[in-house]
Amino acid sequence: MSYEELLTKLALEDDRFVVMTAENRALVRNLPAKLGKRFVDTGITEQTMVGAAAGLALRGRIPVLHALATFLSMRAFEFIRTDAGIPNLPVKLSSFIPGFLSDGNGPTHQAIEDISIMRGIPNVTVFAAADEQDLVGMLPTIWHSPNPAYVRINTRPGTYNHTPFEIGKAEVVAEGADVTILTYGLLFEQALIATQILKDHGLSVGLINMRSLKPVDEQAILKAAQTSNLLVTLEDHFNTGGLYSIVAETLLKHQTTAKVMPYGLDGKWFKPALLPAVLEYEGFTGKQIAEKILGYTTNAVQPVIATPEFAE
């Protein structure tokens, strides 16, 4: 089932759902004809869309909003904080082309600080799906929750069969004594590749899909810290404020120490290109990730990386 198919199904079953967009219809092309007045396009006015959504939520509706991740998280920040966060209204934010998925776009359109921004707002929950199967499995629970929610949308096909989703719980794919990779979203795809390469080189490797970033699964982090010699926080986000910060905060909160390698963007935006070239240039292919952890190059073969459906 695709994102649009899921949203169509839920909206037709429950007339509380209202689908909104700030002129970003790529994910919801077929919904205007099916939902009629319950499909609202506000134009390129993310703030207006969030404010209107808060009003709809006050009237008992479940508004699901669509916009580019950069503008949804930054241009509309005050409205999300004030209109949805403070009153704790179930405004659901679907952020389009987050992180490296904005591949061909320059810094103005690169949402690589959005996790940090959104998780800083009280009451707002934050999630990132590994692939479309993971996304479709997560969204019914998220959309029916009572809180505002920010979701990094990822509709790429995946090969991993994900376990049922629960808010506040990580998906532990494997446990390892030598290294555990903690990741979310798009880079789960490359983490699977890196994990296999590391195993082929004799390491005991763990992998955790941190798809619920707020609330976060502190126990999964703490267990990995206790059982693994190295934690790697892999993310298409600035290290500051993202998963690296989440892990550090968790360890400090519980007065636990661990060796942690941040593997994210360190104070710079990425060079725009098609996704395969972005990952290669920035050092985020599965092969490059494994070699960075190992500390040496290998003869491993990097699988072909598919260009996103919505490549710019």
Protein backbone atom coordinates (compact mmCIF):
# COMPACT_ATOMS: atom_id res chain seq x y z
CA MET A 1 0.00 0.00 0.00
CA SER A 2 1.29 3.46 -0.88
CA TYR A 3 1.13 6.64 1.18
CA GLU A 4 -1.67 8.03 -0.98
CA GLU A 5 -3.63 4.77 -0.85
CA LEU A 6 -3.41 4.69 2.95
CA LEU A 7 -4.49 8.32 3.32
CA THR A 8 -7.34 7.79 0.86
CA LYS A 9 -8.55 4.73 2.76
CA LEU A 10 -8.47 6.42 6.15
CA ALA A 11 -10.05 9.65 4.89
CA LEU A 12 -12.92 7.81 3.20
CA GLU A 13 -13.54 5.72 6.32
CA ASP A 14 -13.41 8.67 8.73
CA ASP A 15 -14.75 12.07 7.72
CA ARG A 16 -12.76 13.75 10.49
CA PHE A 17 -9.72 13.61 8.19
CA VAL A 18 -8.98 16.77 6.22
CA VAL A 19 -6.10 16.71 3.75
CA MET A 20 -4.23 19.99 3.33
CA THR A 21 -1.33 21.07 1.17
CA ALA A 22 0.75 24.18 0.54
CA GLU A 23 0.78 23.54 -3.20
CA ASN A 24 2.68 20.24 -2.85
CA ARG A 25 0.43 17.61 -4.41
CA ALA A 26 2.99 14.98 -5.45
CA LEU A 27 1.90 12.58 -2.69
CA VAL A 28 -1.83 13.29 -2.94
CA ARG A 29 -2.54 13.82 -6.65
CA ASN A 30 -5.78 11.83 -6.69
CA LEU A 31 -7.31 13.06 -3.45
CA PRO A 32 -8.98 16.35 -4.51
CA ALA A 33 -11.54 14.52 -6.65
CA LYS A 34 -12.23 11.96 -3.92
CA LEU A 35 -12.46 14.25 -0.89
CA GLY A 36 -14.05 17.37 -2.30
CA LYS A 37 -14.19 20.08 0.37
CA ARG A 38 -12.05 17.94 2.70
CA PHE A 39 -9.07 18.64 0.43
CA VAL A 40 -7.68 22.14 0.98
CA ASP A 41 -4.81 23.70 -0.98
CA THR A 42 -3.79 26.96 0.68
CA GLY A 43 -1.14 27.75 -1.91
CA ILE A 44 2.45 28.45 -0.92
CA THR A 45 1.43 29.68 2.54
CA GLU A 46 2.67 27.16 5.08
CA GLN A 47 1.88 29.44 8.04
CA THR A 48 -1.70 29.94 6.91
CA MET A 49 -2.09 26.20 6.39
CA VAL A 50 -0.91 25.39 9.93
CA GLY A 51 -3.11 28.08 11.47
CA ALA A 52 -6.15 26.84 9.56
CA ALA A 53 -5.32 23.25 10.53
CA ALA A 54 -5.25 24.21 14.20
CA GLY A 55 -8.73 25.68 13.82
CA LEU A 56 -9.95 22.49 12.17
CA ALA A 57 -8.40 20.41 14.97
CA LEU A 58 -10.25 22.53 17.54
CA ARG A 59 -13.45 21.55 15.72
CA GLY A 60 -12.66 17.84 16.04
CA ARG A 61 -11.01 17.28 12.68
CA ILE A 62 -7.74 15.44 11.99
CA PRO A 63 -5.84 17.67 9.54
CA VAL A 64 -2.98 16.02 7.61
CA LEU A 65 -0.69 18.69 6.15
CA HIS A 66 1.74 18.43 3.23
CA ALA A 67 4.63 20.77 2.41
CA LEU A 68 8.34 20.74 1.69
CA ALA A 69 10.17 19.81 4.88
CA THR A 70 12.26 22.98 4.91
CA PHE A 71 9.32 25.34 4.77
CA LEU A 72 7.03 23.28 6.96
CA SER A 73 9.59 23.09 9.77
CA MET A 74 11.05 26.59 9.45
CA ARG A 75 8.70 29.02 7.71
CA ALA A 76 5.74 27.73 9.73
CA PHE A 77 7.69 27.15 12.95
CA GLU A 78 5.96 29.80 15.06
CA PHE A 79 2.53 28.61 13.96
CA ILE A 80 3.38 24.98 14.76
CA ARG A 81 4.70 26.02 18.16
CA THR A 82 1.91 28.42 19.05
CA ASP A 83 -1.16 27.06 17.27
CA ALA A 84 -0.49 23.31 17.51
CA GLY A 85 2.18 22.75 20.17
CA ILE A 86 0.98 24.95 23.02
CA PRO A 87 -2.68 23.77 22.87
CA ASN A 88 -1.51 20.20 22.02
CA LEU A 89 -3.76 19.80 18.97
CA PRO A 90 -3.64 16.76 16.66
CA VAL A 91 -2.20 18.58 13.65
CA LYS A 92 -0.31 16.03 11.52
CA LEU A 93 2.64 17.32 9.51
CA SER A 94 3.85 15.29 6.50
CA SER A 95 7.22 16.75 5.50
CA PHE A 96 8.15 16.17 1.87
CA ILE A 97 11.74 15.56 0.59
CA PRO A 98 13.51 15.82 3.98
CA GLY A 99 17.26 15.34 4.38
CA PHE A 100 19.09 13.87 1.39
CA LEU A 101 15.75 13.24 -0.33
CA SER A 102 15.88 16.88 -1.44
CA ASP A 103 18.88 15.69 -3.47
CA GLY A 104 18.99 18.18 -6.38
CA ASN A 105 18.03 21.19 -4.27
CA GLY A 106 20.40 23.72 -2.78
CA PRO A 107 20.68 24.75 0.90
CA THR A 108 17.44 26.78 0.92
CA HIS A 109 15.50 23.56 0.30
CA GLN A 110 17.59 21.15 2.39
CA ALA A 111 15.83 20.14 5.61
CA ILE A 112 18.78 18.91 7.64
CA GLU A 113 17.94 20.68 10.89
CA ASP A 114 14.24 19.83 10.99
CA ILE A 115 14.48 17.07 13.61
CA SER A 116 16.25 19.46 15.97
CA ILE A 117 13.69 22.22 15.38
CA MET A 118 10.58 20.07 15.73
CA ARG A 119 11.64 18.03 18.74
CA GLY A 120 12.28 21.26 20.63
CA ILE A 121 8.56 22.08 20.69
CA PRO A 122 6.73 20.63 23.73
CA ASN A 123 3.93 18.19 22.80
CA VAL A 124 5.12 17.79 19.19
CA THR A 125 6.11 14.19 18.41
CA VAL A 126 8.70 13.39 15.72
CA PHE A 127 9.03 10.36 13.46
CA ALA A 128 11.03 9.22 10.41
CA ALA A 129 10.25 6.15 8.32
CA ALA A 130 12.89 3.86 6.83
CA ASP A 131 10.88 3.23 3.64
CA GLU A 132 7.30 3.26 2.38
CA GLN A 133 6.37 -0.03 4.07
CA ASP A 134 7.64 1.34 7.37
CA LEU A 135 5.82 4.63 6.74
CA VAL A 136 2.46 3.04 5.95
CA GLY A 137 2.79 0.86 9.04
CA MET A 138 3.48 3.87 11.26
CA LEU A 139 0.99 6.44 10.08
CA PRO A 140 -2.36 5.05 11.30
CA THR A 141 -1.04 5.05 14.88
CA ILE A 142 0.52 8.50 14.51
CA TRP A 143 -2.51 10.05 12.83
CA HIS A 144 -4.89 8.71 15.47
CA SER A 145 -2.71 9.90 18.37
CA PRO A 146 -3.87 13.00 20.30
CA ASN A 147 -0.65 14.98 19.78
CA PRO A 148 0.73 17.14 16.99
CA ALA A 149 3.15 15.05 14.93
CA TYR A 150 5.96 15.80 12.49
CA VAL A 151 6.77 12.94 10.11
CA ARG A 152 9.68 12.79 7.69
CA ILE A 153 8.00 11.23 4.66
CA ASN A 154 9.96 8.51 2.84
CA THR A 155 8.18 6.66 0.04
CA ARG A 156 11.18 4.72 -1.26
CA PRO A 157 10.66 0.96 -1.64
CA GLY A 158 12.43 -1.17 0.94
CA THR A 159 13.58 -4.77 1.27
CA TYR A 160 13.29 -5.17 5.03
CA ASN A 161 10.12 -6.60 6.58
CA HIS A 162 9.44 -4.18 9.43
CA THR A 163 7.90 -5.09 12.78
CA PRO A 164 4.67 -3.43 13.99
CA PHE A 165 5.12 0.19 15.00
CA GLU A 166 4.65 1.59 18.48
CA ILE A 167 5.10 5.23 19.44
CA GLY A 168 8.20 5.63 21.59
CA LYS A 169 9.73 2.29 20.58
CA ALA A 170 12.70 1.63 18.32
CA GLU A 171 12.86 -1.28 15.90
CA VAL A 172 15.83 -3.43 16.93
CA VAL A 173 16.89 -5.19 13.73
CA ALA A 174 19.98 -6.86 15.22
CA GLU A 175 22.15 -6.73 18.32
CA GLY A 176 25.94 -6.59 18.19
CA ALA A 177 28.87 -6.63 20.60
CA ASP A 178 31.36 -4.68 18.47
CA VAL A 179 29.28 -1.89 16.95
CA THR A 180 25.64 -0.82 16.83
CA ILE A 181 24.37 1.53 14.13
CA LEU A 182 21.45 3.72 15.18
CA THR A 183 19.72 5.38 12.26
CA TYR A 184 16.40 6.53 10.82
CA GLY A 185 14.74 7.42 7.56
CA LEU A 186 16.46 7.20 4.19
CA LEU A 187 19.80 6.00 5.58
CA PHE A 188 18.32 2.80 7.00
CA GLU A 189 18.70 1.48 3.44
CA GLN A 190 22.46 2.14 3.50
CA ALA A 191 22.80 0.97 7.10
CA LEU A 192 21.59 -2.49 6.07
CA ILE A 193 24.35 -2.61 3.45
CA ALA A 194 26.98 -1.35 5.89
CA THR A 195 25.89 -3.90 8.49
CA GLN A 196 26.40 -6.79 6.07
CA ILE A 197 29.84 -5.54 5.01
CA LEU A 198 30.91 -5.19 8.65
CA LYS A 199 29.68 -8.71 9.38
CA ASP A 200 31.63 -10.00 6.38
CA HIS A 201 34.73 -8.48 8.00
CA GLY A 202 34.19 -10.37 11.23
CA LEU A 203 32.39 -7.82 13.38
CA SER A 204 29.40 -8.44 15.60
CA VAL A 205 27.03 -5.71 14.40
CA GLY A 206 23.77 -4.33 15.73
CA LEU A 207 21.30 -2.16 13.85
CA ILE A 208 18.43 -0.10 15.30
CA ASN A 209 15.77 1.77 13.33
CA MET A 210 15.13 4.85 15.48
CA ARG A 211 11.87 5.64 13.70
CA SER A 212 10.32 7.23 16.81
CA LEU A 213 12.64 10.16 17.54
CA LYS A 214 10.33 11.86 20.02
CA PRO A 215 9.35 10.18 22.22
CA VAL A 216 12.56 8.18 21.88
CA ASP A 217 13.23 4.64 23.06
CA GLU A 218 15.75 5.38 25.81
CA GLN A 219 15.95 1.74 26.86
CA ALA A 220 17.03 0.65 23.37
CA ILE A 221 19.81 3.25 23.44
CA LEU A 222 20.94 2.29 26.93
CA LYS A 223 20.96 -1.43 26.14
CA ALA A 224 23.03 -0.83 23.01
CA ALA A 225 25.44 1.30 25.04
CA GLN A 226 25.85 -1.50 27.58
CA THR A 227 26.28 -4.35 25.10
CA SER A 228 28.19 -2.76 22.21
CA ASN A 229 31.71 -1.32 22.13
CA LEU A 230 30.74 1.48 19.75
CA LEU A 231 27.53 3.31 18.89
CA VAL A 232 27.26 5.01 15.49
CA THR A 233 24.53 7.64 15.00
CA LEU A 234 23.87 7.68 11.26
CA GLU A 235 21.62 10.46 9.93
CA ASP A 236 20.99 12.86 7.03
CA HIS A 237 20.79 15.77 9.45
CA PHE A 238 23.20 18.04 11.26
CA ASN A 239 24.87 16.22 14.14
CA THR A 240 23.75 19.05 16.41
CA GLY A 241 20.19 18.50 17.58
CA GLY A 242 19.63 15.25 15.73
CA LEU A 243 20.08 11.62 16.73
CA TYR A 244 23.63 12.22 17.96
CA SER A 245 22.29 14.81 20.41
CA ILE A 246 19.39 12.54 21.37
CA VAL A 247 21.78 9.71 22.21
CA ALA A 248 24.10 12.04 24.14
CA GLU A 249 21.17 13.47 26.12
CA THR A 250 19.95 9.97 26.96
CA LEU A 251 23.36 8.81 28.15
CA LEU A 252 23.82 11.93 30.29
CA LYS A 253 20.31 11.67 31.72
CA HIS A 254 21.01 8.13 32.90
CA GLN A 255 24.65 8.88 33.87
CA THR A 256 25.93 6.25 31.45
CA THR A 257 29.03 6.48 29.29
CA ALA A 258 29.59 5.00 25.85
CA LYS A 259 31.84 5.45 22.85
CA VAL A 260 29.76 7.23 20.20
CA MET A 261 30.67 8.05 16.59
CA PRO A 262 28.50 10.77 15.04
CA TYR A 263 27.91 10.11 11.35
CA GLY A 264 25.91 13.04 10.07
CA LEU A 265 26.43 16.44 8.49
CA ASP A 266 28.86 18.48 10.54
CA GLY A 267 28.13 22.17 10.13
CA LYS A 268 27.65 22.18 6.36
CA TRP A 269 24.94 21.67 3.78
CA PHE A 270 25.37 18.97 1.17
CA LYS A 271 26.26 19.46 -2.48
CA PRO A 272 23.07 19.10 -4.58
CA ALA A 273 22.87 16.34 -7.20
CA LEU A 274 20.79 13.24 -7.83
CA LEU A 275 20.60 11.06 -4.73
CA PRO A 276 23.18 8.40 -5.73
CA ALA A 277 25.75 11.13 -6.40
CA VAL A 278 24.86 12.97 -3.18
CA LEU A 279 25.41 9.88 -1.05
CA GLU A 280 28.67 9.04 -2.84
CA TYR A 281 30.06 12.59 -2.64
CA GLU A 282 29.11 13.10 1.00
CA GLY A 283 30.31 9.64 2.09
CA PHE A 284 26.97 8.07 3.00
CA THR A 285 26.82 4.94 0.84
CA GLY A 286 26.67 1.65 2.73
CA LYS A 287 30.20 0.79 1.61
CA GLN A 288 31.60 4.14 2.71
CA ILE A 289 29.84 3.91 6.08
CA ALA A 290 31.29 0.45 6.72
CA GLU A 291 34.78 1.55 5.70
CA LYS A 292 34.63 4.60 7.96
CA ILE A 293 33.74 2.35 10.89
CA LEU A 294 36.41 -0.22 9.99
CA GLY A 295 39.06 2.42 9.38
CA TYR A 296 40.18 0.93 6.06
CA THR A 297 38.95 0.40 2.49
CA THR A 298 37.41 -2.87 1.34
CA ASN A 299 36.64 -4.62 -1.93
CA ALA A 300 32.94 -4.73 -1.07
CA VAL A 301 30.53 -3.92 -3.88
CA GLN A 302 28.12 -1.03 -3.32
CA PRO A 303 24.62 -1.90 -4.63
CA VAL A 304 23.05 0.52 -7.09
CA ILE A 305 21.14 3.34 -5.37
CA ALA A 306 17.82 4.14 -7.01
CA THR A 307 17.01 7.75 -7.90
CA PRO A 308 13.96 8.98 -5.95
CA GLU A 309 10.61 9.15 -7.71
CA PHE A 310 10.40 12.85 -6.90
CA ALA A 311 14.00 13.75 -7.80
CA GLU A 312 14.36 17.46 -8.48
